[in-house]
Amino acid sequence: MSDRVVAGTKPTVIELEAGEYWWCRCGRSKNQPYCDGSHSGTGIEPLKFELSEKKRVALCTCKATDKEPFCDGTHKGLC
């Protein structure tokens, strides 16, 4: 199993429509914070999450959050 890669040092803050999303857990996706399949062979799978209504969210890009896929501020301690 490969280690996660820090993809960013700030969350992606975005308003998302209700629906299903796949959050990149490995940090290798070129389409952060969403999965693009780059995890293949790493042993790290993306996280499926669903929103029941339109919502503004902060999605983690450091991949160290304890509240996947949402930012919990962990990135502040990585620098």
PDB file of N, CA and C in Angstrom:
ATOM      1  N   MET A   1       0.839  -1.188   0.000  1.00  0.00           N
ATOM      2  CA  MET A   1       0.000   0.000   0.000  1.00  0.00           C
ATOM      3  C   MET A   1       0.877   1.241   0.000  1.00  0.00           C
ATOM      4  N   SER A   2       0.550   2.189  -0.820  1.00  0.00           N
ATOM      5  CA  SER A   2       1.287   3.445  -0.909  1.00  0.00           C
ATOM      6  C   SER A   2       0.786   4.440   0.123  1.00  0.00           C
ATOM      7  N   ASP A   3       1.601   5.430   0.403  1.00  0.00           N
ATOM      8  CA  ASP A   3       1.204   6.502   1.302  1.00  0.00           C
ATOM      9  C   ASP A   3       0.376   7.530   0.546  1.00  0.00           C
ATOM     10  N   ARG A   4      -0.432   8.243   1.295  1.00  0.00           N
ATOM     11  CA  ARG A   4      -1.193   9.346   0.709  1.00  0.00           C
ATOM     12  C   ARG A   4      -0.233  10.483   0.389  1.00  0.00           C
ATOM     13  N   VAL A   5      -0.584  11.271  -0.619  1.00  0.00           N
ATOM     14  CA  VAL A   5       0.207  12.415  -1.044  1.00  0.00           C
ATOM     15  C   VAL A   5      -0.561  13.677  -0.665  1.00  0.00           C
ATOM     16  N   VAL A   6       0.124  14.660  -0.107  1.00  0.00           N
ATOM     17  CA  VAL A   6      -0.507  15.950   0.195  1.00  0.00           C
ATOM     18  C   VAL A   6      -0.724  16.658  -1.139  1.00  0.00           C
ATOM     19  N   ALA A   7      -1.965  16.836  -1.520  1.00  0.00           N
ATOM     20  CA  ALA A   7      -2.293  17.464  -2.797  1.00  0.00           C
ATOM     21  C   ALA A   7      -2.387  18.978  -2.681  1.00  0.00           C
ATOM     22  N   GLY A   8      -2.633  19.470  -1.480  1.00  0.00           N
ATOM     23  CA  GLY A   8      -2.771  20.907  -1.269  1.00  0.00           C
ATOM     24  C   GLY A   8      -2.683  21.253   0.198  1.00  0.00           C
ATOM     25  N   THR A   9      -2.496  22.520   0.482  1.00  0.00           N
ATOM     26  CA  THR A   9      -2.380  22.958   1.870  1.00  0.00           C
ATOM     27  C   THR A   9      -3.554  23.824   2.317  1.00  0.00           C
ATOM     28  N   LYS A  10      -4.595  23.882   1.482  1.00  0.00           N
ATOM     29  CA  LYS A  10      -5.845  24.555   1.850  1.00  0.00           C
ATOM     30  C   LYS A  10      -6.994  23.737   1.277  1.00  0.00           C
ATOM     31  N   PRO A  11      -8.144  23.805   1.902  1.00  0.00           N
ATOM     32  CA  PRO A  11      -9.288  23.065   1.367  1.00  0.00           C
ATOM     33  C   PRO A  11      -9.819  23.699   0.089  1.00  0.00           C
ATOM     34  N   THR A  12     -10.552  22.915  -0.662  1.00  0.00           N
ATOM     35  CA  THR A  12     -11.299  23.431  -1.801  1.00  0.00           C
ATOM     36  C   THR A  12     -12.686  23.781  -1.281  1.00  0.00           C
ATOM     37  N   VAL A  13     -13.004  25.055  -1.273  1.00  0.00           N
ATOM     38  CA  VAL A  13     -14.308  25.515  -0.795  1.00  0.00           C
ATOM     39  C   VAL A  13     -15.179  25.737  -2.021  1.00  0.00           C
ATOM     40  N   ILE A  14     -16.298  25.025  -2.053  1.00  0.00           N
ATOM     41  CA  ILE A  14     -17.135  25.019  -3.245  1.00  0.00           C
ATOM     42  C   ILE A  14     -18.592  24.750  -2.875  1.00  0.00           C
ATOM     43  N   GLU A  15     -19.499  25.275  -3.675  1.00  0.00           N
ATOM     44  CA  GLU A  15     -20.916  24.975  -3.505  1.00  0.00           C
ATOM     45  C   GLU A  15     -21.253  23.825  -4.442  1.00  0.00           C
ATOM     46  N   LEU A  16     -21.707  22.727  -3.875  1.00  0.00           N
ATOM     47  CA  LEU A  16     -22.027  21.536  -4.658  1.00  0.00           C
ATOM     48  C   LEU A  16     -23.521  21.307  -4.698  1.00  0.00           C
ATOM     49  N   GLU A  17     -23.981  20.827  -5.829  1.00  0.00           N
ATOM     50  CA  GLU A  17     -25.378  20.438  -5.982  1.00  0.00           C
ATOM     51  C   GLU A  17     -25.612  19.122  -5.249  1.00  0.00           C
ATOM     52  N   ALA A  18     -26.844  18.822  -4.956  1.00  0.00           N
ATOM     53  CA  ALA A  18     -27.183  17.520  -4.381  1.00  0.00           C
ATOM     54  C   ALA A  18     -26.714  16.449  -5.361  1.00  0.00           C
ATOM     55  N   GLY A  19     -26.179  15.381  -4.834  1.00  0.00           N
ATOM     56  CA  GLY A  19     -25.715  14.306  -5.704  1.00  0.00           C
ATOM     57  C   GLY A  19     -24.608  13.484  -5.081  1.00  0.00           C
ATOM     58  N   GLU A  20     -24.024  12.639  -5.916  1.00  0.00           N
ATOM     59  CA  GLU A  20     -22.986  11.701  -5.503  1.00  0.00           C
ATOM     60  C   GLU A  20     -21.629  12.183  -6.017  1.00  0.00           C
ATOM     61  N   TYR A  21     -20.615  12.105  -5.171  1.00  0.00           N
ATOM     62  CA  TYR A  21     -19.272  12.558  -5.516  1.00  0.00           C
ATOM     63  C   TYR A  21     -18.255  11.528  -5.036  1.00  0.00           C
ATOM     64  N   TRP A  22     -17.092  11.503  -5.693  1.00  0.00           N
ATOM     65  CA  TRP A  22     -15.990  10.624  -5.299  1.00  0.00           C
ATOM     66  C   TRP A  22     -14.795  11.496  -4.957  1.00  0.00           C
ATOM     67  N   TRP A  23     -14.446  11.517  -3.669  1.00  0.00           N
ATOM     68  CA  TRP A  23     -13.334  12.321  -3.148  1.00  0.00           C
ATOM     69  C   TRP A  23     -12.036  11.522  -3.221  1.00  0.00           C
ATOM     70  N   CYS A  24     -11.003  12.135  -3.742  1.00  0.00           N
ATOM     71  CA  CYS A  24      -9.692  11.502  -3.855  1.00  0.00           C
ATOM     72  C   CYS A  24      -9.078  11.374  -2.466  1.00  0.00           C
ATOM     73  N   ARG A  25      -8.740  10.146  -2.073  1.00  0.00           N
ATOM     74  CA  ARG A  25      -8.071   9.892  -0.795  1.00  0.00           C
ATOM     75  C   ARG A  25      -6.554   9.808  -0.941  1.00  0.00           C
ATOM     76  N   CYS A  26      -6.088   9.446  -2.127  1.00  0.00           N
ATOM     77  CA  CYS A  26      -4.659   9.176  -2.307  1.00  0.00           C
ATOM     78  C   CYS A  26      -3.835  10.439  -2.528  1.00  0.00           C
ATOM     79  N   GLY A  27      -4.447  11.499  -3.029  1.00  0.00           N
ATOM     80  CA  GLY A  27      -3.738  12.748  -3.294  1.00  0.00           C
ATOM     81  C   GLY A  27      -3.103  12.817  -4.673  1.00  0.00           C
ATOM     82  N   ARG A  28      -3.242  11.789  -5.479  1.00  0.00           N
ATOM     83  CA  ARG A  28      -2.583  11.735  -6.792  1.00  0.00           C
ATOM     84  C   ARG A  28      -3.434  12.257  -7.947  1.00  0.00           C
ATOM     85  N   SER A  29      -4.712  12.444  -7.721  1.00  0.00           N
ATOM     86  CA  SER A  29      -5.621  12.894  -8.776  1.00  0.00           C
ATOM     87  C   SER A  29      -5.208  14.261  -9.315  1.00  0.00           C
ATOM     88  N   LYS A  30      -5.302  14.421 -10.614  1.00  0.00           N
ATOM     89  CA  LYS A  30      -5.044  15.723 -11.259  1.00  0.00           C
ATOM     90  C   LYS A  30      -6.316  16.563 -11.262  1.00  0.00           C
ATOM     91  N   ASN A  31      -7.410  16.003 -10.740  1.00  0.00           N
ATOM     92  CA  ASN A  31      -8.708  16.674 -10.697  1.00  0.00           C
ATOM     93  C   ASN A  31      -9.120  16.906  -9.238  1.00  0.00           C
ATOM     94  N   GLN A  32      -8.188  17.339  -8.405  1.00  0.00           N
ATOM     95  CA  GLN A  32      -8.447  17.533  -6.976  1.00  0.00           C
ATOM     96  C   GLN A  32      -9.644  18.437  -6.750  1.00  0.00           C
ATOM     97  N   PRO A  33     -10.453  18.140  -5.771  1.00  0.00           N
ATOM     98  CA  PRO A  33     -10.341  17.101  -4.759  1.00  0.00           C
ATOM     99  C   PRO A  33     -11.055  15.804  -5.147  1.00  0.00           C
ATOM    100  N   TYR A  34     -11.388  15.673  -6.438  1.00  0.00           N
ATOM    101  CA  TYR A  34     -12.154  14.521  -6.901  1.00  0.00           C
ATOM    102  C   TYR A  34     -11.239  13.450  -7.492  1.00  0.00           C
ATOM    103  N   CYS A  35     -11.698  12.225  -7.448  1.00  0.00           N
ATOM    104  CA  CYS A  35     -10.946  11.084  -7.972  1.00  0.00           C
ATOM    105  C   CYS A  35     -10.921  11.105  -9.504  1.00  0.00           C
ATOM    106  N   ASP A  36      -9.749  10.800 -10.071  1.00  0.00           N
ATOM    107  CA  ASP A  36      -9.633  10.613 -11.520  1.00  0.00           C
ATOM    108  C   ASP A  36      -9.074   9.235 -11.871  1.00  0.00           C
ATOM    109  N   GLY A  37      -9.004   8.342 -10.873  1.00  0.00           N
ATOM    110  CA  GLY A  37      -8.504   6.991 -11.106  1.00  0.00           C
ATOM    111  C   GLY A  37      -7.022   6.819 -10.857  1.00  0.00           C
ATOM    112  N   SER A  38      -6.322   7.894 -10.481  1.00  0.00           N
ATOM    113  CA  SER A  38      -4.876   7.832 -10.260  1.00  0.00           C
ATOM    114  C   SER A  38      -4.476   6.948  -9.087  1.00  0.00           C
ATOM    115  N   HIS A  39      -5.429   6.541  -8.273  1.00  0.00           N
ATOM    116  CA  HIS A  39      -5.148   5.675  -7.124  1.00  0.00           C
ATOM    117  C   HIS A  39      -4.855   4.238  -7.530  1.00  0.00           C
ATOM    118  N   SER A  40      -5.085   3.889  -8.772  1.00  0.00           N
ATOM    119  CA  SER A  40      -4.910   2.517  -9.236  1.00  0.00           C
ATOM    120  C   SER A  40      -3.533   1.975  -8.839  1.00  0.00           C
ATOM    121  N   GLY A  41      -3.536   0.847  -8.144  1.00  0.00           N
ATOM    122  CA  GLY A  41      -2.305   0.211  -7.713  1.00  0.00           C
ATOM    123  C   GLY A  41      -1.749   0.696  -6.388  1.00  0.00           C
ATOM    124  N   THR A  42      -2.396   1.690  -5.770  1.00  0.00           N
ATOM    125  CA  THR A  42      -1.883   2.237  -4.507  1.00  0.00           C
ATOM    126  C   THR A  42      -2.457   1.528  -3.286  1.00  0.00           C
ATOM    127  N   GLY A  43      -3.595   0.861  -3.463  1.00  0.00           N
ATOM    128  CA  GLY A  43      -4.276   0.266  -2.324  1.00  0.00           C
ATOM    129  C   GLY A  43      -5.138   1.269  -1.574  1.00  0.00           C
ATOM    130  N   ILE A  44      -5.214   2.488  -2.070  1.00  0.00           N
ATOM    131  CA  ILE A  44      -6.028   3.542  -1.463  1.00  0.00           C
ATOM    132  C   ILE A  44      -7.227   3.790  -2.368  1.00  0.00           C
ATOM    133  N   GLU A  45      -8.410   3.633  -1.837  1.00  0.00           N
ATOM    134  CA  GLU A  45      -9.628   3.801  -2.621  1.00  0.00           C
ATOM    135  C   GLU A  45     -10.243   5.178  -2.368  1.00  0.00           C
ATOM    136  N   PRO A  46     -10.917   5.749  -3.375  1.00  0.00           N
ATOM    137  CA  PRO A  46     -11.614   7.022  -3.170  1.00  0.00           C
ATOM    138  C   PRO A  46     -12.803   6.847  -2.241  1.00  0.00           C
ATOM    139  N   LEU A  47     -13.300   7.944  -1.714  1.00  0.00           N
ATOM    140  CA  LEU A  47     -14.452   7.932  -0.817  1.00  0.00           C
ATOM    141  C   LEU A  47     -15.671   8.485  -1.548  1.00  0.00           C
ATOM    142  N   LYS A  48     -16.719   7.691  -1.591  1.00  0.00           N
ATOM    143  CA  LYS A  48     -17.992   8.148  -2.150  1.00  0.00           C
ATOM    144  C   LYS A  48     -18.732   8.913  -1.057  1.00  0.00           C
ATOM    145  N   PHE A  49     -19.214  10.112  -1.403  1.00  0.00           N
ATOM    146  CA  PHE A  49     -20.069  10.843  -0.461  1.00  0.00           C
ATOM    147  C   PHE A  49     -21.229  11.449  -1.223  1.00  0.00           C
ATOM    148  N   GLU A  50     -22.323  11.642  -0.514  1.00  0.00           N
ATOM    149  CA  GLU A  50     -23.541  12.153  -1.130  1.00  0.00           C
ATOM    150  C   GLU A  50     -24.057  13.362  -0.356  1.00  0.00           C
ATOM    151  N   LEU A  51     -24.593  14.300  -1.099  1.00  0.00           N
ATOM    152  CA  LEU A  51     -25.260  15.459  -0.509  1.00  0.00           C
ATOM    153  C   LEU A  51     -26.730  15.379  -0.895  1.00  0.00           C
ATOM    154  N   SER A  52     -27.604  15.585   0.064  1.00  0.00           N
ATOM    155  CA  SER A  52     -29.042  15.509  -0.209  1.00  0.00           C
ATOM    156  C   SER A  52     -29.616  16.839  -0.667  1.00  0.00           C
ATOM    157  N   GLU A  53     -28.821  17.901  -0.509  1.00  0.00           N
ATOM    158  CA  GLU A  53     -29.242  19.219  -0.969  1.00  0.00           C
ATOM    159  C   GLU A  53     -28.016  20.038  -1.334  1.00  0.00           C
ATOM    160  N   LYS A  54     -28.220  21.107  -2.077  1.00  0.00           N
ATOM    161  CA  LYS A  54     -27.132  21.998  -2.459  1.00  0.00           C
ATOM    162  C   LYS A  54     -26.475  22.529  -1.183  1.00  0.00           C
ATOM    163  N   LYS A  55     -25.137  22.523  -1.156  1.00  0.00           N
ATOM    164  CA  LYS A  55     -24.444  22.909   0.079  1.00  0.00           C
ATOM    165  C   LYS A  55     -23.047  23.427  -0.228  1.00  0.00           C
ATOM    166  N   ARG A  56     -22.625  24.429   0.527  1.00  0.00           N
ATOM    167  CA  ARG A  56     -21.245  24.933   0.446  1.00  0.00           C
ATOM    168  C   ARG A  56     -20.397  24.080   1.386  1.00  0.00           C
ATOM    169  N   VAL A  57     -19.315  23.509   0.860  1.00  0.00           N
ATOM    170  CA  VAL A  57     -18.467  22.606   1.632  1.00  0.00           C
ATOM    171  C   VAL A  57     -17.001  22.986   1.472  1.00  0.00           C
ATOM    172  N   ALA A  58     -16.186  22.535   2.420  1.00  0.00           N
ATOM    173  CA  ALA A  58     -14.732  22.680   2.348  1.00  0.00           C
ATOM    174  C   ALA A  58     -14.161  21.268   2.281  1.00  0.00           C
ATOM    175  N   LEU A  59     -13.703  20.875   1.095  1.00  0.00           N
ATOM    176  CA  LEU A  59     -13.181  19.526   0.889  1.00  0.00           C
ATOM    177  C   LEU A  59     -11.675  19.509   1.129  1.00  0.00           C
ATOM    178  N   CYS A  60     -11.228  18.557   1.902  1.00  0.00           N
ATOM    179  CA  CYS A  60      -9.823  18.420   2.263  1.00  0.00           C
ATOM    180  C   CYS A  60      -8.951  18.125   1.040  1.00  0.00           C
ATOM    181  N   THR A  61      -7.792  18.771   0.961  1.00  0.00           N
ATOM    182  CA  THR A  61      -6.812  18.450  -0.077  1.00  0.00           C
ATOM    183  C   THR A  61      -5.500  17.953   0.514  1.00  0.00           C
ATOM    184  N   CYS A  62      -5.330  18.081   1.832  1.00  0.00           N
ATOM    185  CA  CYS A  62      -4.085  17.592   2.449  1.00  0.00           C
ATOM    186  C   CYS A  62      -4.141  16.090   2.702  1.00  0.00           C
ATOM    187  N   LYS A  63      -5.349  15.532   2.680  1.00  0.00           N
ATOM    188  CA  LYS A  63      -5.610  14.092   2.844  1.00  0.00           C
ATOM    189  C   LYS A  63      -5.315  13.586   4.251  1.00  0.00           C
ATOM    190  N   ALA A  64      -5.224  14.482   5.226  1.00  0.00           N
ATOM    191  CA  ALA A  64      -4.947  14.086   6.609  1.00  0.00           C
ATOM    192  C   ALA A  64      -6.122  14.343   7.549  1.00  0.00           C
ATOM    193  N   THR A  65      -7.235  14.820   7.042  1.00  0.00           N
ATOM    194  CA  THR A  65      -8.401  15.122   7.862  1.00  0.00           C
ATOM    195  C   THR A  65      -8.945  13.883   8.569  1.00  0.00           C
ATOM    196  N   ASP A  66      -9.529  14.090   9.728  1.00  0.00           N
ATOM    197  CA  ASP A  66     -10.225  13.020  10.437  1.00  0.00           C
ATOM    198  C   ASP A  66     -11.716  13.026  10.107  1.00  0.00           C
ATOM    199  N   LYS A  67     -12.141  13.964   9.245  1.00  0.00           N
ATOM    200  CA  LYS A  67     -13.562  14.106   8.903  1.00  0.00           C
ATOM    201  C   LYS A  67     -13.776  13.947   7.400  1.00  0.00           C
ATOM    202  N   GLU A  68     -13.117  12.949   6.804  1.00  0.00           N
ATOM    203  CA  GLU A  68     -13.202  12.735   5.354  1.00  0.00           C
ATOM    204  C   GLU A  68     -14.623  12.850   4.830  1.00  0.00           C
ATOM    205  N   PRO A  69     -14.864  13.546   3.758  1.00  0.00           N
ATOM    206  CA  PRO A  69     -13.937  14.247   2.896  1.00  0.00           C
ATOM    207  C   PRO A  69     -13.759  15.715   3.268  1.00  0.00           C
ATOM    208  N   PHE A  70     -14.292  16.106   4.404  1.00  0.00           N
ATOM    209  CA  PHE A  70     -14.338  17.517   4.759  1.00  0.00           C
ATOM    210  C   PHE A  70     -13.108  17.963   5.554  1.00  0.00           C
ATOM    211  N   CYS A  71     -12.714  19.185   5.336  1.00  0.00           N
ATOM    212  CA  CYS A  71     -11.556  19.764   6.018  1.00  0.00           C
ATOM    213  C   CYS A  71     -11.854  19.920   7.502  1.00  0.00           C
ATOM    214  N   ASP A  72     -10.877  19.547   8.332  1.00  0.00           N
ATOM    215  CA  ASP A  72     -10.994  19.754   9.781  1.00  0.00           C
ATOM    216  C   ASP A  72      -9.867  20.654  10.305  1.00  0.00           C
ATOM    217  N   GLY A  73      -9.116  21.286   9.394  1.00  0.00           N
ATOM    218  CA  GLY A  73      -8.044  22.192   9.796  1.00  0.00           C
ATOM    219  C   GLY A  73      -6.689  21.523   9.977  1.00  0.00           C
ATOM    220  N   THR A  74      -6.597  20.232   9.759  1.00  0.00           N
ATOM    221  CA  THR A  74      -5.330  19.507   9.941  1.00  0.00           C
ATOM    222  C   THR A  74      -4.209  20.103   9.103  1.00  0.00           C
ATOM    223  N   HIS A  75      -4.527  20.640   7.924  1.00  0.00           N
ATOM    224  CA  HIS A  75      -3.510  21.204   7.015  1.00  0.00           C
ATOM    225  C   HIS A  75      -2.679  22.290   7.693  1.00  0.00           C
ATOM    226  N   LYS A  76      -3.237  22.971   8.680  1.00  0.00           N
ATOM    227  CA  LYS A  76      -2.513  24.056   9.353  1.00  0.00           C
ATOM    228  C   LYS A  76      -1.274  23.546  10.079  1.00  0.00           C
ATOM    229  N   GLY A  77      -1.271  22.280  10.483  1.00  0.00           N
ATOM    230  CA  GLY A  77      -0.135  21.704  11.200  1.00  0.00           C
ATOM    231  C   GLY A  77       0.862  20.987  10.311  1.00  0.00           C
ATOM    232  N   LEU A  78       0.626  20.991   9.014  1.00  0.00           N
ATOM    233  CA  LEU A  78       1.508  20.278   8.098  1.00  0.00           C
ATOM    234  C   LEU A  78       2.706  21.097   7.647  1.00  0.00           C
ATOM    235  N   CYS A  79       2.628  22.395   7.754  1.00  0.00           N
ATOM    236  CA  CYS A  79       3.715  23.270   7.261  1.00  0.00           C
ATOM    237  C   CYS A  79       4.826  23.411   8.275  1.00  0.00           C
TER     238      CYS A  79
END
